Amino acid sequence: METATVVFLIIGGLGVLVLALSLLGVELFDLDGFVSLEVVAAMMSTFGFGAAIASSLLADRAAPAVLAAAGIGVAASLPAGWLTMRLVGAARRMQTDATPTREDLPGSTGVVVTPIPRHGYGEVRVILGGQPVKLNATADAEIPIGAEVFVISAPSETSVVVERMPSASGPALDQTTT
């Protein structure tokens, strides 16, 4: 392997290393301008690997062949940099849902997972932001495990006040009066 090819491979490897570190949140350089660190790293790695491939494919190892390989590396890195800039920009501008808070809990329904004693705490599972969340729960009456509940209020981020949902089959008949 020729020296030029090894140098180009090292440049490409350093570009991949910088890209990996930038994706992990490591700030190596303060690039707050037009081009992000991810774009620089993508162009650097594409240049290095593209030039290494061109250098190894060119039969003549003279100085013009190394310059031609570097030119091919630059030609390969420009579209890669443009595409990376578009993808990074789209990812940074992407709209996301708001983070659910305790203000989103009242009005939701859940299931009792730990029995709730009268004026004590049990646990309920509710769906918050599409995810199941287990919360401490209190109620005015005892509620057994598996019962469906309605969240009345959320006094804290981890606790709710609930009441039992009426049964779909209607109220139970009192067998003692007949």
N, C-alpha and C. Protein backbone atom coordinates (compact mmCIF):
# COMPACT_ATOMS: atom_id res chain seq x y z
N MET A 1 0.86 -1.17 0.00
CA MET A 1 0.00 0.00 0.00
C MET A 1 0.90 1.23 0.00
N GLU A 2 0.57 2.14 -0.86
CA GLU A 2 1.38 3.35 -1.02
C GLU A 2 1.14 4.33 0.13
N THR A 3 2.09 5.21 0.32
CA THR A 3 2.02 6.18 1.39
C THR A 3 0.82 7.10 1.24
N ALA A 4 0.52 7.53 0.02
CA ALA A 4 -0.62 8.43 -0.21
C ALA A 4 -1.92 7.75 0.19
N THR A 5 -2.08 6.48 -0.14
CA THR A 5 -3.30 5.75 0.22
C THR A 5 -3.45 5.66 1.73
N VAL A 6 -2.34 5.37 2.42
CA VAL A 6 -2.37 5.28 3.89
C VAL A 6 -2.74 6.64 4.49
N VAL A 7 -2.18 7.72 3.97
CA VAL A 7 -2.50 9.05 4.48
C VAL A 7 -3.98 9.36 4.27
N PHE A 8 -4.51 9.03 3.09
CA PHE A 8 -5.93 9.26 2.83
C PHE A 8 -6.82 8.41 3.76
N LEU A 9 -6.42 7.18 4.02
CA LEU A 9 -7.18 6.33 4.94
C LEU A 9 -7.17 6.89 6.37
N ILE A 10 -6.04 7.44 6.78
CA ILE A 10 -5.96 8.05 8.11
C ILE A 10 -6.89 9.26 8.18
N ILE A 11 -6.91 10.08 7.13
CA ILE A 11 -7.81 11.24 7.10
C ILE A 11 -9.27 10.77 7.19
N GLY A 12 -9.61 9.74 6.43
CA GLY A 12 -10.98 9.20 6.49
C GLY A 12 -11.32 8.64 7.86
N GLY A 13 -10.38 7.94 8.48
CA GLY A 13 -10.61 7.39 9.81
C GLY A 13 -10.78 8.48 10.86
N LEU A 14 -9.98 9.55 10.75
CA LEU A 14 -10.14 10.68 11.68
C LEU A 14 -11.50 11.34 11.49
N GLY A 15 -11.97 11.42 10.25
CA GLY A 15 -13.30 11.98 9.99
C GLY A 15 -14.39 11.15 10.64
N VAL A 16 -14.28 9.83 10.54
CA VAL A 16 -15.27 8.96 11.19
C VAL A 16 -15.21 9.11 12.70
N LEU A 17 -14.01 9.22 13.26
CA LEU A 17 -13.87 9.40 14.71
C LEU A 17 -14.50 10.72 15.16
N VAL A 18 -14.25 11.81 14.43
CA VAL A 18 -14.84 13.10 14.78
C VAL A 18 -16.36 13.04 14.65
N LEU A 19 -16.85 12.37 13.61
CA LEU A 19 -18.30 12.23 13.43
C LEU A 19 -18.92 11.44 14.58
N ALA A 20 -18.29 10.35 14.98
CA ALA A 20 -18.81 9.56 16.10
C ALA A 20 -18.82 10.37 17.39
N LEU A 21 -17.76 11.10 17.64
CA LEU A 21 -17.71 11.91 18.85
C LEU A 21 -18.75 13.03 18.83
N SER A 22 -18.96 13.63 17.66
CA SER A 22 -19.96 14.70 17.58
C SER A 22 -21.37 14.16 17.76
N LEU A 23 -21.64 12.96 17.28
CA LEU A 23 -22.95 12.36 17.47
C LEU A 23 -23.18 11.94 18.91
N LEU A 24 -22.11 11.69 19.65
CA LEU A 24 -22.22 11.37 21.07
C LEU A 24 -22.29 12.63 21.94
N GLY A 25 -22.23 13.81 21.31
CA GLY A 25 -22.38 15.05 22.05
C GLY A 25 -21.08 15.69 22.50
N VAL A 26 -19.94 15.16 22.08
CA VAL A 26 -18.65 15.75 22.46
C VAL A 26 -18.39 16.95 21.56
N GLU A 27 -18.10 18.09 22.16
CA GLU A 27 -17.82 19.32 21.41
C GLU A 27 -16.30 19.46 21.27
N LEU A 28 -15.77 19.11 20.11
CA LEU A 28 -14.33 19.21 19.89
C LEU A 28 -13.93 20.63 19.48
N PHE A 29 -14.75 21.25 18.65
CA PHE A 29 -14.47 22.57 18.15
C PHE A 29 -15.72 23.42 18.31
N ASP A 30 -15.54 24.73 18.41
CA ASP A 30 -16.68 25.63 18.51
C ASP A 30 -17.01 26.13 17.11
N LEU A 31 -17.88 25.39 16.41
CA LEU A 31 -18.27 25.75 15.06
C LEU A 31 -19.72 26.19 15.07
N ASP A 32 -19.97 27.44 15.44
CA ASP A 32 -21.34 27.95 15.48
C ASP A 32 -21.72 28.65 14.19
N GLY A 33 -20.92 28.53 13.18
CA GLY A 33 -21.18 29.23 11.94
C GLY A 33 -22.10 28.47 11.01
N PHE A 34 -21.84 28.62 9.72
CA PHE A 34 -22.67 28.07 8.67
C PHE A 34 -22.62 26.54 8.61
N VAL A 35 -21.46 25.97 8.92
CA VAL A 35 -21.26 24.53 8.78
C VAL A 35 -21.11 23.91 10.17
N SER A 36 -21.83 22.81 10.40
CA SER A 36 -21.74 22.13 11.70
C SER A 36 -20.57 21.16 11.71
N LEU A 37 -20.22 20.71 12.90
CA LEU A 37 -19.12 19.75 13.05
C LEU A 37 -19.44 18.43 12.35
N GLU A 38 -20.71 18.04 12.35
CA GLU A 38 -21.10 16.81 11.67
C GLU A 38 -20.81 16.89 10.17
N VAL A 39 -21.06 18.05 9.57
CA VAL A 39 -20.82 18.24 8.14
C VAL A 39 -19.31 18.18 7.86
N VAL A 40 -18.52 18.85 8.69
CA VAL A 40 -17.07 18.83 8.50
C VAL A 40 -16.54 17.39 8.61
N ALA A 41 -17.03 16.66 9.60
CA ALA A 41 -16.57 15.28 9.79
C ALA A 41 -17.00 14.39 8.63
N ALA A 42 -18.22 14.55 8.14
CA ALA A 42 -18.68 13.74 7.02
C ALA A 42 -17.87 14.04 5.76
N MET A 43 -17.59 15.32 5.53
CA MET A 43 -16.79 15.67 4.35
C MET A 43 -15.36 15.16 4.48
N MET A 44 -14.82 15.24 5.68
CA MET A 44 -13.45 14.78 5.92
C MET A 44 -13.34 13.28 5.68
N SER A 45 -14.28 12.52 6.21
CA SER A 45 -14.21 11.07 6.04
C SER A 45 -14.48 10.67 4.59
N THR A 46 -15.43 11.33 3.92
CA THR A 46 -15.69 11.01 2.52
C THR A 46 -14.50 11.37 1.65
N PHE A 47 -13.89 12.51 1.93
CA PHE A 47 -12.69 12.89 1.19
C PHE A 47 -11.60 11.83 1.36
N GLY A 48 -11.33 11.47 2.61
CA GLY A 48 -10.24 10.52 2.88
C GLY A 48 -10.47 9.17 2.24
N PHE A 49 -11.65 8.60 2.42
CA PHE A 49 -11.92 7.27 1.87
C PHE A 49 -12.05 7.30 0.35
N GLY A 50 -12.68 8.37 -0.19
CA GLY A 50 -12.79 8.49 -1.64
C GLY A 50 -11.43 8.63 -2.30
N ALA A 51 -10.57 9.46 -1.71
CA ALA A 51 -9.22 9.64 -2.25
C ALA A 51 -8.39 8.38 -2.10
N ALA A 52 -8.57 7.63 -1.01
CA ALA A 52 -7.82 6.38 -0.82
C ALA A 52 -8.23 5.36 -1.88
N ILE A 53 -9.51 5.27 -2.17
CA ILE A 53 -9.96 4.33 -3.22
C ILE A 53 -9.38 4.75 -4.57
N ALA A 54 -9.48 6.05 -4.88
CA ALA A 54 -8.95 6.53 -6.16
C ALA A 54 -7.44 6.33 -6.24
N SER A 55 -6.73 6.57 -5.15
CA SER A 55 -5.28 6.42 -5.14
C SER A 55 -4.88 4.96 -5.36
N SER A 56 -5.63 4.05 -4.77
CA SER A 56 -5.27 2.63 -4.95
C SER A 56 -5.66 2.11 -6.33
N LEU A 57 -6.64 2.73 -6.97
CA LEU A 57 -7.06 2.29 -8.30
C LEU A 57 -6.20 2.86 -9.42
N LEU A 58 -5.61 4.01 -9.18
CA LEU A 58 -4.78 4.62 -10.21
C LEU A 58 -3.46 3.86 -10.32
N ALA A 59 -3.13 3.47 -11.50
CA ALA A 59 -1.93 2.64 -11.70
C ALA A 59 -0.66 3.45 -11.52
N ASP A 60 -0.63 4.67 -12.00
CA ASP A 60 0.56 5.50 -11.91
C ASP A 60 0.63 6.13 -10.53
N ARG A 61 1.71 5.90 -9.79
CA ARG A 61 1.86 6.43 -8.43
C ARG A 61 2.64 7.74 -8.42
N ALA A 62 2.69 8.40 -9.52
CA ALA A 62 3.42 9.68 -9.59
C ALA A 62 2.59 10.77 -8.93
N ALA A 63 3.19 11.95 -8.82
CA ALA A 63 2.54 13.08 -8.15
C ALA A 63 1.21 13.45 -8.81
N PRO A 64 1.08 13.44 -10.15
CA PRO A 64 -0.23 13.76 -10.73
C PRO A 64 -1.31 12.76 -10.31
N ALA A 65 -0.97 11.51 -10.09
CA ALA A 65 -1.96 10.53 -9.68
C ALA A 65 -2.46 10.84 -8.27
N VAL A 66 -1.57 11.29 -7.39
CA VAL A 66 -1.98 11.64 -6.03
C VAL A 66 -2.87 12.87 -6.06
N LEU A 67 -2.54 13.84 -6.91
CA LEU A 67 -3.39 15.03 -7.04
C LEU A 67 -4.76 14.66 -7.63
N ALA A 68 -4.77 13.73 -8.59
CA ALA A 68 -6.03 13.28 -9.17
C ALA A 68 -6.87 12.56 -8.11
N ALA A 69 -6.23 11.76 -7.27
CA ALA A 69 -6.95 11.06 -6.20
C ALA A 69 -7.52 12.07 -5.20
N ALA A 70 -6.76 13.11 -4.88
CA ALA A 70 -7.26 14.15 -3.97
C ALA A 70 -8.43 14.89 -4.60
N GLY A 71 -8.35 15.15 -5.89
CA GLY A 71 -9.47 15.80 -6.59
C GLY A 71 -10.72 14.94 -6.58
N ILE A 72 -10.55 13.64 -6.76
CA ILE A 72 -11.70 12.72 -6.69
C ILE A 72 -12.27 12.71 -5.28
N GLY A 73 -11.40 12.78 -4.28
CA GLY A 73 -11.87 12.85 -2.89
C GLY A 73 -12.68 14.11 -2.62
N VAL A 74 -12.21 15.24 -3.15
CA VAL A 74 -12.95 16.50 -3.00
C VAL A 74 -14.30 16.39 -3.71
N ALA A 75 -14.29 15.83 -4.92
CA ALA A 75 -15.54 15.69 -5.68
C ALA A 75 -16.54 14.78 -4.96
N ALA A 76 -16.05 13.80 -4.26
CA ALA A 76 -16.95 12.91 -3.50
C ALA A 76 -17.44 13.56 -2.22
N SER A 77 -16.60 14.41 -1.62
CA SER A 77 -16.96 15.00 -0.33
C SER A 77 -17.99 16.12 -0.44
N LEU A 78 -18.05 16.80 -1.55
CA LEU A 78 -19.00 17.91 -1.69
C LEU A 78 -20.46 17.45 -1.63
N PRO A 79 -20.89 16.44 -2.40
CA PRO A 79 -22.28 16.00 -2.24
C PRO A 79 -22.56 15.37 -0.87
N ALA A 80 -21.56 14.70 -0.31
CA ALA A 80 -21.75 14.12 1.02
C ALA A 80 -21.93 15.22 2.07
N GLY A 81 -21.17 16.30 1.95
CA GLY A 81 -21.31 17.42 2.88
C GLY A 81 -22.66 18.10 2.73
N TRP A 82 -23.11 18.30 1.47
CA TRP A 82 -24.40 18.92 1.23
C TRP A 82 -25.53 18.07 1.82
N LEU A 83 -25.47 16.75 1.58
CA LEU A 83 -26.51 15.85 2.10
C LEU A 83 -26.49 15.83 3.63
N THR A 84 -25.30 15.81 4.20
CA THR A 84 -25.20 15.83 5.67
C THR A 84 -25.75 17.13 6.23
N MET A 85 -25.47 18.25 5.58
CA MET A 85 -25.98 19.53 6.05
C MET A 85 -27.51 19.54 6.00
N ARG A 86 -28.09 18.98 4.96
CA ARG A 86 -29.56 18.92 4.86
C ARG A 86 -30.15 18.02 5.94
N LEU A 87 -29.54 16.85 6.16
CA LEU A 87 -30.06 15.92 7.16
C LEU A 87 -29.92 16.47 8.58
N VAL A 88 -28.79 17.08 8.90
CA VAL A 88 -28.59 17.65 10.23
C VAL A 88 -29.55 18.80 10.45
N GLY A 89 -29.74 19.63 9.44
CA GLY A 89 -30.68 20.75 9.56
C GLY A 89 -32.11 20.26 9.76
N ALA A 90 -32.51 19.22 9.03
CA ALA A 90 -33.85 18.67 9.19
C ALA A 90 -34.04 18.07 10.57
N ALA A 91 -33.03 17.41 11.08
CA ALA A 91 -33.14 16.81 12.41
C ALA A 91 -33.23 17.89 13.49
N ARG A 92 -32.54 18.99 13.32
CA ARG A 92 -32.58 20.06 14.33
C ARG A 92 -33.89 20.84 14.28
N ARG A 93 -34.52 20.91 13.12
CA ARG A 93 -35.79 21.64 13.00
C ARG A 93 -37.02 20.76 13.22
N MET A 94 -36.82 19.47 13.45
CA MET A 94 -37.93 18.54 13.57
C MET A 94 -38.81 18.89 14.77
N GLN A 95 -40.12 18.95 14.52
CA GLN A 95 -41.07 19.23 15.58
C GLN A 95 -41.28 17.99 16.44
N THR A 96 -41.38 18.17 17.72
CA THR A 96 -41.64 17.06 18.63
C THR A 96 -42.82 17.43 19.52
N ASP A 97 -43.43 16.43 20.10
CA ASP A 97 -44.53 16.67 21.03
C ASP A 97 -43.99 17.28 22.31
N ALA A 98 -44.85 18.02 22.97
CA ALA A 98 -44.47 18.60 24.25
C ALA A 98 -44.31 17.49 25.28
N THR A 99 -43.44 17.70 26.24
CA THR A 99 -43.23 16.74 27.30
C THR A 99 -44.45 16.71 28.21
N PRO A 100 -45.04 15.53 28.44
CA PRO A 100 -46.21 15.46 29.31
C PRO A 100 -45.86 15.88 30.75
N THR A 101 -46.81 16.56 31.38
CA THR A 101 -46.63 17.01 32.76
C THR A 101 -47.83 16.56 33.58
N ARG A 102 -47.83 16.89 34.84
CA ARG A 102 -48.94 16.47 35.70
C ARG A 102 -50.24 17.16 35.32
N GLU A 103 -50.17 18.28 34.63
CA GLU A 103 -51.39 18.95 34.16
C GLU A 103 -52.12 18.12 33.11
N ASP A 104 -51.43 17.16 32.49
CA ASP A 104 -52.04 16.29 31.49
C ASP A 104 -52.75 15.09 32.11
N LEU A 105 -52.56 14.84 33.40
CA LEU A 105 -53.13 13.66 34.05
C LEU A 105 -54.63 13.74 34.34
N PRO A 106 -55.15 14.85 34.87
CA PRO A 106 -56.59 14.87 35.17
C PRO A 106 -57.42 14.60 33.92
N GLY A 107 -58.42 13.73 34.09
CA GLY A 107 -59.27 13.34 32.97
C GLY A 107 -58.86 12.05 32.31
N SER A 108 -57.69 11.55 32.65
CA SER A 108 -57.25 10.28 32.06
C SER A 108 -57.79 9.12 32.89
N THR A 109 -57.74 7.94 32.30
CA THR A 109 -58.19 6.74 32.99
C THR A 109 -57.02 5.81 33.20
N GLY A 110 -57.17 4.91 34.15
CA GLY A 110 -56.11 3.97 34.45
C GLY A 110 -56.65 2.73 35.10
N VAL A 111 -55.74 1.86 35.52
CA VAL A 111 -56.07 0.60 36.17
C VAL A 111 -55.28 0.52 37.48
N VAL A 112 -55.94 0.04 38.52
CA VAL A 112 -55.29 -0.11 39.81
C VAL A 112 -54.36 -1.32 39.76
N VAL A 113 -53.09 -1.11 40.12
CA VAL A 113 -52.12 -2.21 40.14
C VAL A 113 -51.74 -2.62 41.56
N THR A 114 -51.94 -1.74 42.50
CA THR A 114 -51.80 -2.04 43.93
C THR A 114 -53.05 -1.49 44.60
N PRO A 115 -53.78 -2.32 45.38
CA PRO A 115 -55.05 -1.86 45.96
C PRO A 115 -54.90 -0.52 46.68
N ILE A 116 -55.93 0.32 46.54
CA ILE A 116 -55.93 1.64 47.16
C ILE A 116 -56.80 1.56 48.41
N PRO A 117 -56.23 1.74 49.61
CA PRO A 117 -57.05 1.76 50.82
C PRO A 117 -57.75 3.12 50.95
N ARG A 118 -58.78 3.16 51.77
CA ARG A 118 -59.48 4.42 51.99
C ARG A 118 -58.53 5.42 52.65
N HIS A 119 -58.38 6.57 52.04
CA HIS A 119 -57.50 7.65 52.51
C HIS A 119 -56.05 7.19 52.67
N GLY A 120 -55.64 6.21 51.89
CA GLY A 120 -54.25 5.76 51.87
C GLY A 120 -53.75 5.74 50.42
N TYR A 121 -52.56 5.23 50.24
CA TYR A 121 -51.99 5.21 48.90
C TYR A 121 -51.89 3.80 48.35
N GLY A 122 -52.25 3.65 47.09
CA GLY A 122 -52.03 2.45 46.30
C GLY A 122 -51.32 2.90 45.02
N GLU A 123 -51.40 2.09 43.99
CA GLU A 123 -50.75 2.46 42.73
C GLU A 123 -51.69 2.21 41.57
N VAL A 124 -51.61 3.10 40.57
CA VAL A 124 -52.38 2.96 39.35
C VAL A 124 -51.44 3.07 38.16
N ARG A 125 -51.86 2.50 37.05
CA ARG A 125 -51.12 2.62 35.80
C ARG A 125 -51.99 3.39 34.82
N VAL A 126 -51.48 4.52 34.34
CA VAL A 126 -52.18 5.34 33.35
C VAL A 126 -51.30 5.47 32.12
N ILE A 127 -51.90 5.85 31.01
CA ILE A 127 -51.15 6.10 29.79
C ILE A 127 -50.94 7.61 29.69
N LEU A 128 -49.69 8.02 29.69
CA LEU A 128 -49.33 9.44 29.63
C LEU A 128 -48.37 9.64 28.46
N GLY A 129 -48.79 10.41 27.49
CA GLY A 129 -47.94 10.63 26.32
C GLY A 129 -47.69 9.37 25.55
N GLY A 130 -48.64 8.43 25.57
CA GLY A 130 -48.50 7.17 24.85
C GLY A 130 -47.70 6.12 25.58
N GLN A 131 -47.25 6.40 26.78
CA GLN A 131 -46.44 5.47 27.54
C GLN A 131 -47.14 5.12 28.85
N PRO A 132 -47.09 3.85 29.27
CA PRO A 132 -47.66 3.50 30.58
C PRO A 132 -46.81 4.07 31.71
N VAL A 133 -47.49 4.69 32.67
CA VAL A 133 -46.80 5.30 33.81
C VAL A 133 -47.48 4.80 35.09
N LYS A 134 -46.68 4.35 36.05
CA LYS A 134 -47.22 3.91 37.33
C LYS A 134 -47.08 5.05 38.33
N LEU A 135 -48.21 5.39 38.98
CA LEU A 135 -48.24 6.51 39.91
C LEU A 135 -48.85 6.09 41.24
N ASN A 136 -48.48 6.78 42.30
CA ASN A 136 -49.14 6.60 43.59
C ASN A 136 -50.53 7.19 43.46
N ALA A 137 -51.51 6.55 44.11
CA ALA A 137 -52.88 7.02 43.99
C ALA A 137 -53.59 6.94 45.33
N THR A 138 -54.46 7.90 45.56
CA THR A 138 -55.30 7.91 46.74
C THR A 138 -56.74 8.12 46.28
N ALA A 139 -57.69 7.67 47.13
CA ALA A 139 -59.10 7.81 46.80
C ALA A 139 -59.90 7.92 48.09
N ASP A 140 -61.15 8.36 47.97
CA ASP A 140 -62.03 8.48 49.14
C ASP A 140 -62.57 7.13 49.59
N ALA A 141 -62.54 6.14 48.74
CA ALA A 141 -63.04 4.80 49.08
C ALA A 141 -62.01 3.77 48.66
N GLU A 142 -62.10 2.57 49.22
CA GLU A 142 -61.20 1.49 48.83
C GLU A 142 -61.46 1.10 47.38
N ILE A 143 -60.38 0.84 46.67
CA ILE A 143 -60.51 0.40 45.28
C ILE A 143 -59.61 -0.82 45.11
N PRO A 144 -60.18 -1.95 44.66
CA PRO A 144 -59.38 -3.18 44.55
C PRO A 144 -58.49 -3.18 43.30
N ILE A 145 -57.58 -4.11 43.29
CA ILE A 145 -56.67 -4.28 42.16
C ILE A 145 -57.47 -4.64 40.91
N GLY A 146 -57.08 -4.10 39.78
CA GLY A 146 -57.73 -4.39 38.51
C GLY A 146 -58.89 -3.47 38.18
N ALA A 147 -59.33 -2.64 39.11
CA ALA A 147 -60.46 -1.75 38.87
C ALA A 147 -60.02 -0.59 37.97
N GLU A 148 -60.93 -0.16 37.10
CA GLU A 148 -60.66 1.01 36.28
C GLU A 148 -60.95 2.26 37.09
N VAL A 149 -60.06 3.26 36.95
CA VAL A 149 -60.21 4.49 37.71
C VAL A 149 -60.12 5.70 36.79
N PHE A 150 -60.64 6.81 37.27
CA PHE A 150 -60.63 8.09 36.59
C PHE A 150 -59.79 9.05 37.43
N VAL A 151 -58.84 9.72 36.81
CA VAL A 151 -57.96 10.64 37.54
C VAL A 151 -58.67 11.98 37.71
N ILE A 152 -58.84 12.38 38.96
CA ILE A 152 -59.50 13.64 39.29
C ILE A 152 -58.49 14.79 39.32
N SER A 153 -57.37 14.56 40.00
CA SER A 153 -56.35 15.61 40.09
C SER A 153 -54.98 14.96 40.28
N ALA A 154 -53.96 15.79 40.13
CA ALA A 154 -52.57 15.33 40.31
C ALA A 154 -51.87 16.30 41.25
N PRO A 155 -51.87 16.00 42.57
CA PRO A 155 -51.23 16.91 43.51
C PRO A 155 -49.72 17.01 43.36
N SER A 156 -49.09 16.00 42.76
CA SER A 156 -47.63 16.06 42.53
C SER A 156 -47.32 15.33 41.23
N GLU A 157 -46.05 15.31 40.88
CA GLU A 157 -45.63 14.64 39.65
C GLU A 157 -45.79 13.12 39.74
N THR A 158 -45.83 12.58 40.96
CA THR A 158 -45.86 11.12 41.13
C THR A 158 -47.11 10.61 41.82
N SER A 159 -48.09 11.47 42.08
CA SER A 159 -49.29 10.99 42.75
C SER A 159 -50.54 11.61 42.12
N VAL A 160 -51.64 10.85 42.21
CA VAL A 160 -52.91 11.29 41.66
C VAL A 160 -54.03 10.97 42.65
N VAL A 161 -55.13 11.70 42.52
CA VAL A 161 -56.35 11.41 43.26
C VAL A 161 -57.31 10.81 42.24
N VAL A 162 -57.87 9.63 42.55
CA VAL A 162 -58.71 8.93 41.58
C VAL A 162 -60.06 8.59 42.19
N GLU A 163 -60.98 8.22 41.32
CA GLU A 163 -62.24 7.63 41.76
C GLU A 163 -62.53 6.47 40.83
N ARG A 164 -63.25 5.50 41.36
CA ARG A 164 -63.54 4.28 40.61
C ARG A 164 -64.52 4.61 39.49
N MET A 165 -64.28 4.01 38.32
CA MET A 165 -65.17 4.17 37.18
C MET A 165 -66.39 3.29 37.40
N PRO A 166 -67.57 3.75 37.00
CA PRO A 166 -68.74 2.90 37.13
C PRO A 166 -68.61 1.69 36.21
N SER A 167 -69.14 0.58 36.64
CA SER A 167 -69.07 -0.66 35.88
C SER A 167 -69.90 -0.53 34.62
N ALA A 168 -69.47 -1.15 33.52
CA ALA A 168 -70.20 -1.10 32.26
C ALA A 168 -71.52 -1.87 32.34
N SER A 169 -71.62 -2.84 33.27
CA SER A 169 -72.83 -3.64 33.38
C SER A 169 -73.86 -2.99 34.27
N GLY A 170 -73.57 -1.82 34.78
CA GLY A 170 -74.54 -1.12 35.63
C GLY A 170 -74.32 -1.44 37.09
N PRO A 171 -75.12 -0.82 37.97
CA PRO A 171 -74.94 -1.08 39.40
C PRO A 171 -75.35 -2.49 39.77
N ALA A 172 -74.66 -3.03 40.74
CA ALA A 172 -74.96 -4.40 41.18
C ALA A 172 -76.25 -4.38 42.00
N LEU A 173 -77.05 -5.45 41.89
CA LEU A 173 -78.28 -5.57 42.67
C LEU A 173 -77.95 -5.97 44.09
N ASP A 174 -78.61 -5.36 45.03
CA ASP A 174 -78.41 -5.69 46.44
C ASP A 174 -79.24 -6.92 46.76
N GLN A 175 -78.61 -8.04 47.03
CA GLN A 175 -79.31 -9.31 47.25
C GLN A 175 -79.89 -9.41 48.68
N THR A 176 -79.54 -8.51 49.59
CA THR A 176 -79.98 -8.63 50.98
C THR A 176 -81.40 -8.10 51.19
N THR A 177 -81.91 -7.29 50.28
CA THR A 177 -83.24 -6.70 50.50
C THR A 177 -84.36 -7.55 49.95
N THR A 178 -84.12 -8.60 49.23
CA THR A 178 -85.20 -9.40 48.66
C THR A 178 -85.55 -10.58 49.49
